[in-house]
N, C-alpha and C. Protein backbone atom coordinates (compact mmCIF):
# COMPACT_ATOMS: atom_id res chain seq x y z
N MET A 1 -0.27 21.91 2.61
CA MET A 1 1.03 22.53 2.48
C MET A 1 1.22 22.93 1.02
N ARG A 2 1.64 24.11 0.84
CA ARG A 2 1.90 24.60 -0.50
C ARG A 2 3.36 24.34 -0.85
N THR A 3 3.57 23.82 -2.06
CA THR A 3 4.94 23.58 -2.50
C THR A 3 5.03 23.79 -4.01
N ASN A 4 6.20 24.01 -4.48
CA ASN A 4 6.41 24.27 -5.89
C ASN A 4 7.53 23.36 -6.37
N ILE A 5 7.18 22.38 -7.22
CA ILE A 5 8.19 21.45 -7.72
C ILE A 5 8.05 21.31 -9.23
N GLU A 6 9.15 20.92 -9.85
CA GLU A 6 9.14 20.69 -11.29
C GLU A 6 8.94 19.21 -11.54
N ILE A 7 7.89 18.87 -12.28
CA ILE A 7 7.59 17.48 -12.61
C ILE A 7 7.51 17.36 -14.13
N ASP A 8 8.11 16.33 -14.66
CA ASP A 8 8.09 16.08 -16.10
C ASP A 8 6.65 16.06 -16.60
N ASP A 9 6.35 16.86 -17.62
CA ASP A 9 4.98 16.98 -18.14
C ASP A 9 4.43 15.64 -18.63
N ALA A 10 5.26 14.87 -19.34
CA ALA A 10 4.80 13.59 -19.87
C ALA A 10 4.50 12.61 -18.73
N LEU A 11 5.35 12.63 -17.70
CA LEU A 11 5.14 11.75 -16.55
C LEU A 11 3.84 12.11 -15.83
N MET A 12 3.60 13.40 -15.64
CA MET A 12 2.38 13.84 -14.97
C MET A 12 1.15 13.47 -15.80
N ALA A 13 1.23 13.67 -17.10
CA ALA A 13 0.10 13.33 -17.98
C ALA A 13 -0.20 11.84 -17.91
N GLU A 14 0.85 11.02 -17.92
CA GLU A 14 0.67 9.57 -17.85
C GLU A 14 0.08 9.17 -16.49
N ALA A 15 0.56 9.80 -15.43
CA ALA A 15 0.04 9.50 -14.09
C ALA A 15 -1.42 9.92 -13.96
N GLN A 16 -1.77 11.07 -14.50
CA GLN A 16 -3.17 11.53 -14.45
C GLN A 16 -4.06 10.57 -15.23
N LYS A 17 -3.60 10.14 -16.37
CA LYS A 17 -4.38 9.20 -17.18
C LYS A 17 -4.56 7.88 -16.45
N ALA A 18 -3.48 7.37 -15.85
CA ALA A 18 -3.53 6.10 -15.14
C ALA A 18 -4.43 6.18 -13.91
N SER A 19 -4.41 7.31 -13.22
CA SER A 19 -5.19 7.45 -11.99
C SER A 19 -6.63 7.86 -12.25
N GLY A 20 -6.87 8.48 -13.38
CA GLY A 20 -8.21 8.97 -13.68
C GLY A 20 -8.52 10.31 -13.02
N HIS A 21 -7.52 10.92 -12.39
CA HIS A 21 -7.72 12.21 -11.73
C HIS A 21 -7.61 13.34 -12.74
N GLN A 22 -8.36 14.39 -12.47
CA GLN A 22 -8.36 15.54 -13.36
C GLN A 22 -7.30 16.57 -12.98
N THR A 23 -6.92 16.60 -11.70
CA THR A 23 -5.97 17.63 -11.27
C THR A 23 -4.63 17.02 -10.89
N LYS A 24 -3.61 17.85 -10.99
CA LYS A 24 -2.27 17.42 -10.60
C LYS A 24 -2.22 17.16 -9.10
N LYS A 25 -2.91 17.99 -8.34
CA LYS A 25 -2.93 17.83 -6.88
C LYS A 25 -3.49 16.46 -6.49
N GLN A 26 -4.62 16.08 -7.08
CA GLN A 26 -5.21 14.78 -6.78
C GLN A 26 -4.25 13.65 -7.16
N THR A 27 -3.61 13.80 -8.30
CA THR A 27 -2.68 12.77 -8.79
C THR A 27 -1.49 12.61 -7.85
N VAL A 28 -0.91 13.72 -7.45
CA VAL A 28 0.26 13.67 -6.56
C VAL A 28 -0.14 13.12 -5.19
N GLU A 29 -1.29 13.55 -4.66
CA GLU A 29 -1.73 13.05 -3.36
C GLU A 29 -1.97 11.55 -3.39
N GLN A 30 -2.58 11.06 -4.47
CA GLN A 30 -2.81 9.62 -4.58
C GLN A 30 -1.47 8.88 -4.66
N ALA A 31 -0.54 9.42 -5.41
CA ALA A 31 0.78 8.78 -5.54
C ALA A 31 1.49 8.72 -4.19
N LEU A 32 1.38 9.77 -3.40
CA LEU A 32 2.01 9.78 -2.07
C LEU A 32 1.35 8.76 -1.15
N ARG A 33 0.02 8.68 -1.18
CA ARG A 33 -0.69 7.69 -0.36
C ARG A 33 -0.29 6.26 -0.76
N LEU A 34 -0.19 6.04 -2.07
CA LEU A 34 0.20 4.72 -2.56
C LEU A 34 1.62 4.36 -2.11
N MET A 35 2.52 5.31 -2.18
CA MET A 35 3.89 5.06 -1.76
C MET A 35 3.94 4.69 -0.27
N ILE A 36 3.19 5.39 0.55
CA ILE A 36 3.15 5.10 1.99
C ILE A 36 2.55 3.72 2.24
N ARG A 37 1.46 3.40 1.54
CA ARG A 37 0.83 2.09 1.72
C ARG A 37 1.76 0.96 1.28
N LEU A 38 2.44 1.13 0.16
CA LEU A 38 3.36 0.11 -0.32
C LEU A 38 4.53 -0.09 0.64
N ARG A 39 5.00 0.99 1.22
CA ARG A 39 6.09 0.86 2.20
C ARG A 39 5.62 0.07 3.41
N GLY A 40 4.42 0.33 3.86
CA GLY A 40 3.87 -0.42 4.99
C GLY A 40 3.72 -1.89 4.65
N GLN A 41 3.27 -2.18 3.44
CA GLN A 41 3.12 -3.57 3.01
C GLN A 41 4.47 -4.27 2.96
N ARG A 42 5.48 -3.56 2.51
CA ARG A 42 6.83 -4.11 2.44
C ARG A 42 7.34 -4.45 3.84
N GLU A 43 7.04 -3.58 4.81
CA GLU A 43 7.47 -3.84 6.18
C GLU A 43 6.76 -5.06 6.75
N VAL A 44 5.47 -5.20 6.47
CA VAL A 44 4.72 -6.37 6.93
C VAL A 44 5.26 -7.62 6.25
N ASP A 45 5.48 -7.53 4.95
CA ASP A 45 6.00 -8.66 4.18
C ASP A 45 7.36 -9.11 4.73
N GLY A 46 8.17 -8.16 5.14
CA GLY A 46 9.48 -8.48 5.68
C GLY A 46 9.42 -9.22 7.00
N ALA A 47 8.27 -9.13 7.68
CA ALA A 47 8.12 -9.80 8.97
C ALA A 47 7.72 -11.26 8.81
N PHE A 48 7.23 -11.67 7.65
CA PHE A 48 6.80 -13.05 7.45
C PHE A 48 7.97 -14.00 7.68
N GLY A 49 7.70 -15.04 8.44
CA GLY A 49 8.72 -16.03 8.73
C GLY A 49 9.62 -15.67 9.90
N LYS A 50 9.43 -14.51 10.48
CA LYS A 50 10.28 -14.09 11.59
C LYS A 50 9.65 -14.34 12.95
N TYR A 51 8.38 -14.67 12.95
CA TYR A 51 7.69 -14.92 14.20
C TYR A 51 7.24 -16.38 14.23
N ARG A 52 7.47 -17.00 15.34
CA ARG A 52 7.10 -18.41 15.46
C ARG A 52 5.70 -18.50 16.06
N TRP A 53 4.84 -19.26 15.39
CA TRP A 53 3.48 -19.47 15.88
C TRP A 53 3.51 -20.62 16.85
N ARG A 54 2.96 -20.40 18.01
CA ARG A 54 2.89 -21.45 19.02
C ARG A 54 1.41 -21.78 19.21
N GLY A 55 1.04 -22.91 18.72
CA GLY A 55 -0.35 -23.30 18.84
C GLY A 55 -0.57 -24.66 18.21
N SER A 56 -1.80 -25.05 18.23
CA SER A 56 -2.18 -26.34 17.68
C SER A 56 -3.15 -26.10 16.53
N PRO A 57 -2.84 -26.58 15.32
CA PRO A 57 -3.78 -26.42 14.21
C PRO A 57 -5.15 -27.01 14.53
N ALA A 58 -5.17 -28.15 15.18
CA ALA A 58 -6.45 -28.79 15.50
C ALA A 58 -7.25 -27.93 16.47
N ARG A 59 -6.59 -27.40 17.50
CA ARG A 59 -7.28 -26.55 18.47
C ARG A 59 -7.77 -25.25 17.81
N SER A 60 -6.95 -24.70 16.94
CA SER A 60 -7.32 -23.48 16.24
C SER A 60 -8.57 -23.69 15.39
N ARG A 61 -8.60 -24.82 14.66
CA ARG A 61 -9.78 -25.13 13.84
C ARG A 61 -11.01 -25.32 14.72
N LYS A 62 -10.83 -26.01 15.83
CA LYS A 62 -11.94 -26.29 16.74
C LYS A 62 -12.50 -24.99 17.32
N GLU A 63 -11.62 -24.07 17.71
CA GLU A 63 -12.04 -22.80 18.31
C GLU A 63 -12.81 -21.93 17.34
N ARG A 64 -12.49 -22.01 16.08
CA ARG A 64 -13.22 -21.19 15.10
C ARG A 64 -14.35 -21.96 14.44
N GLY A 65 -14.57 -23.20 14.87
CA GLY A 65 -15.70 -23.98 14.37
C GLY A 65 -15.49 -24.57 12.99
N ALA A 66 -14.26 -24.71 12.57
CA ALA A 66 -13.97 -25.28 11.25
C ALA A 66 -13.38 -26.67 11.43
N GLY A 67 -14.19 -27.67 11.30
CA GLY A 67 -13.63 -29.01 11.35
C GLY A 67 -14.09 -29.72 12.54
């Protein structure tokens, strides 16, 4: 998709340096992928402690051969 946006030159230069990418396109695409991945991680993190595990630690260890 072609788009035209104004991005602060210093911010873009810093992002390119941090990412190691040579082009603005590569830098922006990596930033978008990172944002999506972080959002997914935040959603998973928010689920911790909300589900109750029903099982036996001893049986679980036995089934995987640990202990």
